[in-house]
Amino acid sequence: MMPETVIERRWGTDIVREILGGHPCQVYRDRPRALSDLLIDAQRWDDRVLLVQGERRLTGKDHLAAVARVAETLRQRGVRPGDTVLLQGFNHIEWVVAFWALQCIGATVALGNAWWSELETQSALHLTRPRLLIRERMPEATLRVSCDTLLFSELRGIVDAGEDVALRVDPVAEEACAVVIFSSGTTGQAKGAMMSHRAVIANIHNLLRMTGRLPDDLDDTHPGTVNLVTMPLFHQGGMQISLMTLLTGGRIVFLRGRFDPVEVLQLMQDEKVRAWGSVPTMVSRVVMHPEFASFDTSSVASIQMGGAPIPYELRAQVKACFPASGKRVGSMYGLTETGVVATGVSADVEGRPGCVGRPLPAAEIRIAAPNAEGVGEIQVRSASATTGYLGDPTPIGDAEGWIASGDLGRFDDEGRLYVVGRAKDMIIRGGENVASAHVERCLRTHPAVAEAAVVPLPHADLGEEVAAVVVFRPGAQATADALREHALAHLAKFEVPSRWWLRRDALPTNATGKVLKRQLTDEWPEEA
């Protein structure tokens, strides 16, 4: 009898326990050890178009050549393995090339938010102390930059050049910091979560296994996916979508500039987009756009949303607007500090408001201190978790590696996870707890309402009162009394808003799509 052939896998499925940070953690036994390995793995599809933005189209081969040229330029600028570079910009081809060039050098890429003010950028510079700052525009005079600055416009000349440069890849340890991702900072100064090569790859490994697309299981004829990415690349969701698309032979399509619902629809039609990775706010503004029916969006078969809670009503509306998506209108649950740890699979979330699916294979989730209904704070332990905040020695998790999410959740009898609100997004009205997400979900069921945000306002007698900001659909209108009657039919009396701000302007959001509730309370008009 011939001995059984053992196939060596880089992307395995066997899960083992290893000690990470002094505590046990589930990991894949066979796995890539550095992000640069992913770039090399993807060259099996180097003849395909990988990046599209406006009139520009780069194949995988073009992209790799550009990465090699930019990496040598960065080395000439003094960037070395272990250095930190602050990469600050919107979704551009140059952003992607710079990211991979830095990974080939073995540097740490700090993902700067392109919407930051110069004051916030100053804080990030002080925190990261980068060797180089790569950004869209020259710093203003008020920004004190002690390092060299490289502009995207300079990078574009290098990316578009035809000179052949051999790709050099510096070795790097699996536990070395690959990326610094800044928290959204809706309640204060953003913190920089340090993500090792192990953590970033563990996140991607989990998602690829969950979707049945592990690279080792794909042959060279795998068609890949045309993926429209409007989620910011400096957000964990945007970065992971781009990495997965690269690894599976797909195409990444970017907007020319800032978010525009009409351009989204035009790209869906022209590029035959199959998957769209975005945030709920962007998706809502596209499906509600008055010109939606004028475009052919029939190719769109998958819509994944993250970065903010997804209203059940929006999920239903997306399915109606994109019939080909069928059961592939999904959501991913996670946070910056833990990576994506559960996903909304159609069979799990269908007909179950608040359900975000089951834990991914190599992630552990528990509910801490559950109440009688099983609701408590969601805690996570995963190899995809951060090793800590930059410049802050305080451990992120507890002694056993569990990281508190700040979200309230529960499991059902079949192991599905439900997110029911934020532990801190709670209004205490006269001693009664009011979950903002619950009230918002009710208001969005009114036919005139496009968006809703519920916030606490101070009250002399009750302590806090429930206040609602409502954005109407185009051409729709409703009075506060009508909205109050609608809420009374679905909510407890103490949950019904007593203050209303009716408007047509969209709710303010940060780069990850989360509503800036503090801004709403600060700007609450006296006449509302």
Protein backbone atom coordinates (compact mmCIF):
# COMPACT_ATOMS: atom_id res chain seq x y z
CA MET A 1 0.00 0.00 0.00
CA MET A 2 1.32 3.42 -0.96
CA PRO A 3 1.84 5.84 1.94
CA GLU A 4 -0.77 8.59 2.21
CA THR A 5 0.34 11.86 0.63
CA VAL A 6 0.54 14.71 3.12
CA ILE A 7 -0.35 18.06 1.59
CA GLU A 8 1.37 20.98 3.26
CA ARG A 9 -1.08 23.81 3.85
CA ARG A 10 -0.35 27.43 4.51
CA TRP A 11 -4.04 28.16 5.20
CA GLY A 12 -5.13 25.27 7.43
CA THR A 13 -8.38 24.43 9.21
CA ASP A 14 -7.05 22.61 12.28
CA ILE A 15 -7.43 24.71 15.43
CA VAL A 16 -5.10 24.28 18.40
CA ARG A 17 -4.52 26.14 21.65
CA GLU A 18 -1.41 28.22 22.17
CA ILE A 19 -0.40 30.56 24.95
CA LEU A 20 -0.67 34.18 23.80
CA GLY A 21 0.06 36.99 26.22
CA GLY A 22 0.13 34.53 29.10
CA HIS A 23 -3.29 32.99 28.47
CA PRO A 24 -4.60 30.16 26.26
CA CYS A 25 -6.06 31.10 22.90
CA GLN A 26 -7.43 29.24 19.88
CA VAL A 27 -5.24 29.54 16.76
CA TYR A 28 -4.93 27.90 13.36
CA ARG A 29 -2.02 25.47 13.39
CA ASP A 30 -1.11 26.07 9.74
CA ARG A 31 -1.10 29.78 8.94
CA PRO A 32 0.93 32.50 7.22
CA ARG A 33 3.29 34.25 9.62
CA ALA A 34 3.68 37.69 7.96
CA LEU A 35 1.42 39.97 5.94
CA SER A 36 3.96 40.05 3.11
CA ASP A 37 3.19 36.32 2.64
CA LEU A 38 -0.33 37.31 1.59
CA LEU A 39 0.99 39.59 -1.15
CA ILE A 40 3.15 36.75 -2.51
CA ASP A 41 0.28 34.24 -2.31
CA ALA A 42 -1.91 36.53 -4.43
CA GLN A 43 0.48 36.54 -7.40
CA ARG A 44 -1.15 33.40 -8.80
CA TRP A 45 -3.73 35.81 -10.26
CA ASP A 46 -1.29 38.57 -11.27
CA ASP A 47 -2.72 38.85 -14.81
CA ARG A 48 -6.12 39.98 -13.49
CA VAL A 49 -7.20 43.57 -12.89
CA LEU A 50 -6.81 44.14 -9.16
CA LEU A 51 -7.39 47.87 -8.58
CA VAL A 52 -9.85 50.24 -10.27
CA GLN A 53 -10.27 53.95 -9.56
CA GLY A 54 -11.68 56.25 -12.19
CA GLU A 55 -9.84 55.57 -15.44
CA ARG A 56 -6.94 53.84 -13.69
CA ARG A 57 -6.72 50.03 -13.73
CA LEU A 58 -3.82 48.06 -12.25
CA THR A 59 -3.36 44.33 -12.67
CA GLY A 60 -1.85 42.23 -9.92
CA LYS A 61 1.45 42.34 -11.80
CA ASP A 62 1.25 46.15 -12.09
CA HIS A 63 0.48 46.37 -8.40
CA LEU A 64 3.42 44.18 -7.34
CA ALA A 65 5.80 46.19 -9.54
CA ALA A 66 4.49 49.42 -8.01
CA VAL A 67 4.92 47.98 -4.50
CA ALA A 68 8.55 47.13 -5.29
CA ARG A 69 9.25 50.67 -6.58
CA VAL A 70 7.55 52.38 -3.63
CA ALA A 71 9.28 50.11 -1.12
CA GLU A 72 12.69 51.11 -2.50
CA THR A 73 11.67 54.78 -2.39
CA LEU A 74 10.64 54.43 1.24
CA ARG A 75 13.93 52.72 2.07
CA GLN A 76 15.73 55.65 0.46
CA ARG A 77 13.66 57.93 2.73
CA GLY A 78 15.10 56.07 5.72
CA VAL A 79 12.27 53.65 6.55
CA ARG A 80 13.60 50.47 8.13
CA PRO A 81 12.10 47.29 9.66
CA GLY A 82 10.37 48.13 12.93
CA ASP A 83 9.87 51.81 12.07
CA THR A 84 6.38 53.34 12.24
CA VAL A 85 4.90 55.23 9.29
CA LEU A 86 1.66 57.23 9.61
CA LEU A 87 -0.44 56.56 6.49
CA GLN A 88 -3.25 59.11 6.39
CA GLY A 89 -5.61 59.27 3.46
CA PHE A 90 -8.86 58.30 1.81
CA ASN A 91 -9.31 55.22 -0.37
CA HIS A 92 -6.76 55.54 -3.18
CA ILE A 93 -4.64 53.19 -5.23
CA GLU A 94 -1.59 54.89 -3.70
CA TRP A 95 -2.85 54.02 -0.20
CA VAL A 96 -2.95 50.32 -1.10
CA VAL A 97 0.49 50.33 -2.73
CA ALA A 98 2.06 52.20 0.21
CA PHE A 99 0.48 49.77 2.69
CA TRP A 100 2.00 46.74 0.97
CA ALA A 101 5.36 48.43 0.42
CA LEU A 102 5.61 49.09 4.15
CA GLN A 103 4.69 45.48 4.92
CA CYS A 104 7.50 44.32 2.63
CA ILE A 105 9.93 46.51 4.58
CA GLY A 106 8.66 45.14 7.89
CA ALA A 107 7.51 48.55 9.12
CA THR A 108 4.46 49.29 11.25
CA VAL A 109 1.66 51.09 9.39
CA ALA A 110 -0.35 53.49 11.57
CA LEU A 111 -3.68 54.01 9.78
CA GLY A 112 -4.49 57.69 10.16
CA ASN A 113 -8.10 58.83 9.80
CA ALA A 114 -8.39 61.06 6.74
CA TRP A 115 -11.12 63.10 8.44
CA TRP A 116 -8.95 64.12 11.36
CA SER A 117 -8.39 67.77 12.05
CA GLU A 118 -4.79 68.94 12.17
CA LEU A 119 -5.08 68.95 15.98
CA GLU A 120 -6.10 65.27 15.96
CA THR A 121 -3.31 64.51 13.49
CA GLN A 122 -0.90 66.26 15.85
CA SER A 123 -2.01 63.95 18.63
CA ALA A 124 -1.45 60.88 16.41
CA LEU A 125 2.02 62.13 15.42
CA HIS A 126 2.93 62.59 19.07
CA LEU A 127 1.66 59.10 19.89
CA THR A 128 3.21 57.20 16.98
CA ARG A 129 6.43 59.20 16.51
CA PRO A 130 6.64 58.05 12.88
CA ARG A 131 9.70 57.88 10.69
CA LEU A 132 7.56 59.19 7.80
CA LEU A 133 4.14 60.77 7.27
CA ILE A 134 2.30 59.80 4.07
CA ARG A 135 -0.82 61.87 3.38
CA GLU A 136 -2.99 63.62 0.81
CA ARG A 137 -1.82 67.21 1.35
CA MET A 138 1.04 69.15 2.86
CA PRO A 139 0.67 69.81 6.59
CA GLU A 140 -0.73 73.17 7.60
CA ALA A 141 1.54 75.61 9.40
CA THR A 142 -0.10 74.78 12.72
CA LEU A 143 0.92 71.11 12.43
CA ARG A 144 4.32 70.41 13.93
CA VAL A 145 5.82 67.53 11.97
CA SER A 146 9.23 66.31 13.07
CA CYS A 147 9.48 63.67 10.33
CA ASP A 148 9.62 63.69 6.55
CA THR A 149 6.34 63.97 4.58
CA LEU A 150 5.49 62.10 1.39
CA LEU A 151 2.39 63.09 -0.58
CA PHE A 152 0.05 60.79 -2.49
CA SER A 153 0.71 62.91 -5.57
CA GLU A 154 4.42 62.00 -5.36
CA LEU A 155 3.53 58.36 -4.86
CA ARG A 156 1.35 58.40 -7.95
CA GLY A 157 4.34 59.24 -10.12
CA ILE A 158 6.19 56.25 -8.68
CA VAL A 159 3.18 53.95 -9.01
CA ASP A 160 2.66 54.90 -12.67
CA ALA A 161 6.35 54.70 -13.58
CA GLY A 162 7.48 51.82 -15.78
CA GLU A 163 10.82 51.11 -14.14
CA ASP A 164 11.34 47.51 -13.04
CA VAL A 165 12.66 47.08 -9.51
CA ALA A 166 13.19 43.72 -7.82
CA LEU A 167 10.87 43.15 -4.87
CA ARG A 168 12.73 42.84 -1.56
CA VAL A 169 10.92 41.45 1.47
CA ASP A 170 12.47 41.89 4.91
CA PRO A 171 11.78 39.11 7.43
CA VAL A 172 9.52 39.97 10.34
CA ALA A 173 8.41 38.20 13.54
CA GLU A 174 4.82 36.98 13.76
CA GLU A 175 4.28 38.96 16.97
CA ALA A 176 5.72 42.19 15.52
CA CYS A 177 3.27 45.07 15.21
CA ALA A 178 2.04 45.25 11.62
CA VAL A 179 -0.71 47.84 11.91
CA VAL A 180 -1.95 50.45 14.36
CA ILE A 181 -5.70 50.98 14.04
CA PHE A 182 -7.22 53.96 15.77
CA SER A 183 -10.52 53.61 17.58
CA SER A 184 -13.30 55.78 16.21
CA GLY A 185 -13.02 58.28 19.04
CA THR A 186 -16.69 59.30 19.21
CA THR A 187 -16.39 60.02 22.94
CA GLY A 188 -12.86 61.35 23.18
CA GLN A 189 -9.34 61.16 21.79
CA ALA A 190 -8.78 58.15 19.52
CA LYS A 191 -6.52 55.39 20.83
CA GLY A 192 -4.11 53.39 18.69
CA ALA A 193 -4.70 49.63 18.92
CA MET A 194 -1.56 47.67 18.01
CA MET A 195 -2.28 44.68 15.75
CA SER A 196 0.44 42.09 15.21
CA HIS A 197 0.94 40.17 11.98
CA ARG A 198 -0.58 37.20 13.79
CA ALA A 199 -3.70 39.21 14.74
CA VAL A 200 -4.40 40.65 11.29
CA ILE A 201 -3.89 37.26 9.61
CA ALA A 202 -6.01 35.43 12.21
CA ASN A 203 -8.90 37.75 11.42
CA ILE A 204 -8.59 37.18 7.66
CA HIS A 205 -8.08 33.43 8.16
CA ASN A 206 -11.32 33.20 10.14
CA LEU A 207 -13.33 35.10 7.55
CA LEU A 208 -11.93 33.18 4.58
CA ARG A 209 -12.72 29.89 6.26
CA MET A 210 -16.23 31.05 7.16
CA THR A 211 -16.92 32.02 3.54
CA GLY A 212 -15.34 28.88 2.08
CA ARG A 213 -12.54 30.76 0.33
CA LEU A 214 -9.30 29.60 1.96
CA PRO A 215 -6.61 30.16 -0.71
CA ASP A 216 -5.38 26.56 -0.43
CA ASP A 217 -8.85 25.37 -1.45
CA LEU A 218 -9.13 27.60 -4.55
CA ASP A 219 -7.78 26.65 -7.96
CA ASP A 220 -6.35 29.13 -10.44
CA THR A 221 -9.68 29.38 -12.29
CA HIS A 222 -11.52 30.74 -9.25
CA PRO A 223 -13.35 33.79 -10.65
CA GLY A 224 -12.85 36.14 -7.70
CA THR A 225 -15.25 38.93 -6.82
CA VAL A 226 -15.63 42.48 -8.10
CA ASN A 227 -15.77 44.26 -4.74
CA LEU A 228 -16.80 47.89 -4.36
CA VAL A 229 -15.10 49.21 -1.22
CA THR A 230 -16.59 52.40 0.20
CA MET A 231 -15.72 51.57 3.80
CA PRO A 232 -12.53 53.50 4.65
CA LEU A 233 -9.31 51.52 4.32
CA PHE A 234 -8.13 53.02 7.61
CA HIS A 235 -11.06 51.24 9.25
CA GLN A 236 -10.62 47.58 10.11
CA GLY A 237 -13.53 46.52 7.91
CA GLY A 238 -12.20 48.31 4.83
CA MET A 239 -8.72 46.89 5.30
CA GLN A 240 -9.95 43.32 5.71
CA ILE A 241 -12.18 43.48 2.61
CA SER A 242 -9.22 44.63 0.51
CA LEU A 243 -6.99 41.87 1.90
CA MET A 244 -9.58 39.16 1.25
CA THR A 245 -10.23 40.38 -2.28
CA LEU A 246 -6.50 40.35 -3.05
CA LEU A 247 -6.10 36.81 -1.70
CA THR A 248 -9.01 35.36 -3.68
CA GLY A 249 -8.30 36.76 -7.13
CA GLY A 250 -10.87 39.53 -7.04
CA ARG A 251 -11.03 43.16 -8.08
CA ILE A 252 -11.12 46.18 -5.74
CA VAL A 253 -13.13 49.16 -6.98
CA PHE A 254 -12.83 52.58 -5.33
CA LEU A 255 -14.81 55.79 -5.70
CA ARG A 256 -12.97 58.68 -7.34
CA GLY A 257 -13.28 60.77 -4.19
CA ARG A 258 -15.72 61.31 -1.36
CA PHE A 259 -18.84 59.20 -0.95
CA ASP A 260 -21.50 59.86 -3.60
CA PRO A 261 -24.58 57.58 -3.88
CA VAL A 262 -24.90 58.24 -7.61
CA GLU A 263 -21.28 57.26 -8.27
CA VAL A 264 -21.83 54.09 -6.23
CA LEU A 265 -24.78 53.19 -8.46
CA GLN A 266 -22.84 54.07 -11.63
CA LEU A 267 -19.92 51.85 -10.61
CA MET A 268 -22.26 48.98 -9.80
CA GLN A 269 -23.62 49.25 -13.32
CA ASP A 270 -20.34 49.84 -15.19
CA GLU A 271 -18.03 47.48 -13.28
CA LYS A 272 -20.66 44.75 -12.73
CA VAL A 273 -19.97 44.92 -9.01
CA ARG A 274 -20.81 41.67 -7.25
CA ALA A 275 -20.06 42.56 -3.62
CA TRP A 276 -20.26 45.83 -1.73
CA GLY A 277 -18.52 46.38 1.59
CA SER A 278 -19.87 49.45 3.35
CA VAL A 279 -21.40 50.88 6.50
CA PRO A 280 -25.15 51.00 7.18
CA THR A 281 -25.40 54.76 6.78
CA MET A 282 -23.90 54.66 3.27
CA VAL A 283 -26.07 51.70 2.24
CA SER A 284 -29.20 53.46 3.49
CA ARG A 285 -28.42 56.59 1.49
CA VAL A 286 -27.92 54.56 -1.69
CA VAL A 287 -31.09 52.47 -1.48
CA MET A 288 -33.15 55.55 -0.62
CA HIS A 289 -31.71 57.69 -3.42
CA PRO A 290 -34.42 58.90 -5.83
CA GLU A 291 -32.30 57.82 -8.85
CA PHE A 292 -31.79 54.24 -7.62
CA ALA A 293 -34.13 52.68 -10.19
CA SER A 294 -32.29 54.41 -13.06
CA PHE A 295 -29.25 52.11 -12.71
CA ASP A 296 -28.69 48.42 -13.38
CA THR A 297 -27.62 46.94 -10.06
CA SER A 298 -28.58 43.36 -10.89
CA SER A 299 -24.97 42.10 -10.59
CA VAL A 300 -24.80 42.89 -6.85
CA ALA A 301 -25.09 39.54 -5.07
CA SER A 302 -23.57 40.27 -1.66
CA ILE A 303 -23.70 43.25 0.67
CA GLN A 304 -21.67 43.18 3.88
CA MET A 305 -22.08 45.93 6.43
CA GLY A 306 -20.12 46.75 9.54
CA GLY A 307 -18.92 49.62 11.71
CA ALA A 308 -22.32 50.32 13.27
CA PRO A 309 -25.51 48.49 14.26
CA ILE A 310 -27.62 47.42 11.27
CA PRO A 311 -31.34 48.17 11.53
CA TYR A 312 -33.46 45.12 10.76
CA GLU A 313 -35.62 47.30 8.49
CA LEU A 314 -32.57 48.31 6.45
CA ARG A 315 -31.63 44.67 5.93
CA ALA A 316 -35.11 44.00 4.52
CA GLN A 317 -34.96 47.07 2.30
CA VAL A 318 -31.54 46.09 0.91
CA LYS A 319 -32.85 42.65 0.00
CA ALA A 320 -35.76 44.25 -1.82
CA CYS A 321 -33.50 46.66 -3.73
CA PHE A 322 -30.86 44.04 -4.58
CA PRO A 323 -32.82 40.84 -5.33
CA ALA A 324 -29.70 38.95 -6.44
CA SER A 325 -28.24 39.34 -2.96
CA GLY A 326 -30.86 36.88 -1.71
CA LYS A 327 -29.58 35.55 1.59
CA ARG A 328 -26.23 37.32 1.32
CA VAL A 329 -27.18 40.55 3.05
CA GLY A 330 -24.88 40.16 5.99
CA SER A 331 -23.31 41.91 8.90
CA MET A 332 -20.07 41.45 10.74
CA TYR A 333 -19.80 42.01 14.44
CA GLY A 334 -16.59 43.09 16.07
CA LEU A 335 -14.63 46.05 17.31
CA THR A 336 -11.21 47.50 16.75
CA GLU A 337 -9.69 45.86 19.80
CA THR A 338 -10.82 42.30 19.02
CA GLY A 339 -11.12 42.04 15.24
CA VAL A 340 -14.28 40.67 13.64
CA VAL A 341 -15.47 37.86 15.87
CA ALA A 342 -18.95 36.89 14.64
CA THR A 343 -20.75 37.25 11.36
CA GLY A 344 -24.34 37.53 10.24
CA VAL A 345 -25.00 34.54 8.03
CA SER A 346 -28.38 34.60 6.29
CA ALA A 347 -29.68 31.39 7.83
CA ASP A 348 -28.92 32.84 11.27
CA VAL A 349 -30.10 36.43 10.97
CA GLU A 350 -33.20 35.94 8.81
CA GLY A 351 -36.23 36.95 10.86
CA ARG A 352 -34.12 37.59 13.96
CA PRO A 353 -33.65 41.33 14.66
CA GLY A 354 -30.38 42.04 16.43
CA CYS A 355 -28.80 38.71 15.47
CA VAL A 356 -25.20 38.95 14.23
CA GLY A 357 -24.61 35.25 13.71
CA ARG A 358 -22.38 32.74 15.41
CA PRO A 359 -18.78 33.08 16.65
CA LEU A 360 -16.19 32.46 13.98
CA PRO A 361 -14.24 29.18 14.22
CA ALA A 362 -11.20 30.38 16.18
CA ALA A 363 -12.89 33.04 18.30
CA GLU A 364 -14.40 32.69 21.76
CA ILE A 365 -17.29 34.82 22.99
CA ARG A 366 -19.00 34.87 26.36
CA ILE A 367 -21.69 36.92 28.09
CA ALA A 368 -20.45 38.42 31.35
CA ALA A 369 -22.80 38.74 34.34
CA PRO A 370 -26.00 37.93 32.42
CA ASN A 371 -29.35 39.05 33.85
CA ALA A 372 -32.50 36.93 34.04
CA GLU A 373 -32.97 37.26 30.26
CA GLY A 374 -29.40 36.21 29.60
CA VAL A 375 -28.30 39.73 28.64
CA GLY A 376 -24.88 40.90 29.72
CA GLU A 377 -21.71 42.45 28.34
CA ILE A 378 -20.18 40.68 25.36
CA GLN A 379 -16.58 39.61 25.99
CA VAL A 380 -14.18 38.21 23.42
CA ARG A 381 -10.96 36.18 23.38
CA SER A 382 -9.26 35.73 20.04
CA ALA A 383 -5.85 35.57 18.34
CA SER A 384 -7.04 38.53 16.27
CA ALA A 385 -7.11 40.79 19.33
CA THR A 386 -4.85 43.77 19.83
CA THR A 387 -1.74 43.46 21.95
CA GLY A 388 -2.60 46.79 23.58
CA TYR A 389 -2.94 50.51 23.03
CA LEU A 390 0.10 52.37 21.77
CA GLY A 391 1.78 54.23 24.61
CA ASP A 392 -0.51 52.74 27.26
CA PRO A 393 0.84 49.84 29.37
CA THR A 394 -2.61 49.04 30.78
CA PRO A 395 -3.72 45.57 29.62
CA ILE A 396 -6.69 45.53 27.25
CA GLY A 397 -8.17 42.30 28.56
CA ASP A 398 -8.34 40.57 31.91
CA ALA A 399 -5.86 37.98 33.21
CA GLU A 400 -7.52 35.26 31.09
CA GLY A 401 -7.42 37.34 27.89
CA TRP A 402 -11.11 38.29 27.77
CA ILE A 403 -11.72 41.74 26.27
CA ALA A 404 -14.85 43.67 27.25
CA SER A 405 -16.69 44.99 24.19
CA GLY A 406 -18.94 47.56 25.84
CA ASP A 407 -21.85 45.96 23.95
CA LEU A 408 -24.82 44.25 25.58
CA GLY A 409 -25.75 40.90 24.08
CA ARG A 410 -27.15 37.45 24.58
CA PHE A 411 -27.01 33.98 23.03
CA ASP A 412 -30.05 31.98 22.01
CA ASP A 413 -30.39 28.24 22.57
CA GLU A 414 -28.66 27.47 19.26
CA GLY A 415 -25.58 29.60 19.86
CA ARG A 416 -26.53 32.70 17.85
CA LEU A 417 -25.28 36.00 19.20
CA TYR A 418 -27.63 38.99 19.52
CA VAL A 419 -26.46 42.55 20.12
CA VAL A 420 -29.14 44.43 22.03
CA GLY A 421 -27.40 47.74 22.65
CA ARG A 422 -24.41 49.49 24.10
CA ALA A 423 -23.64 49.13 27.76
CA LYS A 424 -23.02 52.88 27.80
CA ASP A 425 -25.63 53.86 25.18
CA MET A 426 -28.32 53.82 27.82
CA ILE A 427 -30.65 56.62 28.94
CA ILE A 428 -31.68 56.57 32.60
CA ARG A 429 -35.07 58.29 32.78
CA GLY A 430 -36.45 58.58 36.28
CA GLY A 431 -34.67 55.39 37.29
CA GLU A 432 -35.84 53.44 34.20
CA ASN A 433 -33.21 52.25 31.71
CA VAL A 434 -33.99 53.07 28.08
CA ALA A 435 -31.89 51.39 25.38
CA SER A 436 -31.35 53.93 22.59
CA ALA A 437 -31.06 51.22 19.91
CA HIS A 438 -34.48 49.82 20.85
CA VAL A 439 -36.19 53.20 20.45
CA GLU A 440 -34.32 53.94 17.22
CA ARG A 441 -35.41 50.62 15.74
CA CYS A 442 -39.03 51.49 16.46
CA LEU A 443 -38.82 54.98 14.93
CA ARG A 444 -37.27 53.65 11.74
CA THR A 445 -40.36 51.52 11.13
CA HIS A 446 -42.39 54.70 10.50
CA PRO A 447 -42.81 55.11 6.71
CA ALA A 448 -41.63 58.73 6.73
CA VAL A 449 -38.40 58.08 8.65
CA ALA A 450 -35.05 57.48 6.96
CA GLU A 451 -32.73 57.78 9.97
CA ALA A 452 -33.15 58.14 13.71
CA ALA A 453 -30.83 58.76 16.64
CA VAL A 454 -31.94 58.72 20.26
CA VAL A 455 -29.91 60.63 22.84
CA PRO A 456 -30.29 61.72 26.48
CA LEU A 457 -30.95 65.35 27.34
CA PRO A 458 -30.72 66.64 30.92
CA HIS A 459 -34.02 67.00 32.79
CA ALA A 460 -34.49 68.78 36.12
CA ASP A 461 -36.89 66.20 37.51
CA LEU A 462 -36.16 62.93 35.68
CA GLY A 463 -32.38 63.30 35.45
CA GLU A 464 -32.47 62.49 31.74
CA GLU A 465 -35.21 62.54 29.16
CA VAL A 466 -35.43 60.63 25.90
CA ALA A 467 -34.75 62.84 22.87
CA ALA A 468 -35.03 61.74 19.23
CA VAL A 469 -33.44 63.18 16.10
CA VAL A 470 -35.41 62.10 13.05
CA VAL A 471 -34.37 62.46 9.40
CA PHE A 472 -37.21 62.18 6.88
CA ARG A 473 -37.14 60.26 3.63
CA PRO A 474 -37.11 62.40 0.46
CA GLY A 475 -40.59 63.84 -0.08
CA ALA A 476 -41.93 62.49 3.22
CA GLN A 477 -43.11 64.42 6.27
CA ALA A 478 -44.56 63.69 9.71
CA THR A 479 -45.32 65.69 12.82
CA ALA A 480 -43.85 65.05 16.24
CA ASP A 481 -47.34 64.07 17.45
CA ALA A 482 -47.64 61.46 14.69
CA LEU A 483 -44.23 60.04 15.53
CA ARG A 484 -45.12 60.00 19.22
CA GLU A 485 -48.33 58.06 18.51
CA HIS A 486 -46.34 55.59 16.43
CA ALA A 487 -43.85 55.12 19.25
CA LEU A 488 -46.61 54.68 21.86
CA ALA A 489 -47.98 51.76 19.87
CA HIS A 490 -44.68 49.88 20.15
CA LEU A 491 -42.80 51.14 23.23
CA ALA A 492 -43.30 51.49 26.94
CA LYS A 493 -44.45 54.96 27.91
CA PHE A 494 -41.15 55.80 29.57
CA GLU A 495 -39.31 54.87 26.34
CA VAL A 496 -41.26 57.29 24.12
CA PRO A 497 -39.22 60.40 23.26
CA SER A 498 -40.39 63.62 24.87
CA ARG A 499 -38.11 65.89 22.79
CA TRP A 500 -37.97 65.84 18.98
CA TRP A 501 -35.64 67.31 16.39
CA LEU A 502 -37.16 66.85 12.94
CA ARG A 503 -34.78 67.49 10.03
CA ARG A 504 -33.88 66.63 6.47
CA ASP A 505 -30.10 66.83 6.82
CA ALA A 506 -28.44 63.45 7.27
CA LEU A 507 -27.18 62.48 10.71
CA PRO A 508 -23.52 63.36 11.32
CA THR A 509 -21.27 60.30 11.32
CA ASN A 510 -17.61 59.52 11.79
CA ALA A 511 -15.48 57.71 9.20
CA THR A 512 -16.73 54.29 10.32
CA GLY A 513 -20.39 55.22 9.89
CA LYS A 514 -21.21 55.62 13.58
CA VAL A 515 -23.59 58.46 14.41
CA LEU A 516 -21.92 61.25 16.36
CA LYS A 517 -24.44 61.45 19.18
CA ARG A 518 -22.38 63.82 21.28
CA GLN A 519 -22.45 66.31 18.39
CA LEU A 520 -26.24 66.02 18.24
CA THR A 521 -26.66 66.74 21.94
CA ASP A 522 -24.20 69.64 21.76
CA GLU A 523 -26.02 71.16 18.77
CA TRP A 524 -29.57 70.50 19.95
CA PRO A 525 -31.61 73.55 18.80
CA GLU A 526 -33.69 75.42 21.36
CA GLU A 527 -36.68 75.50 19.03
CA ALA A 528 -36.69 71.72 18.51
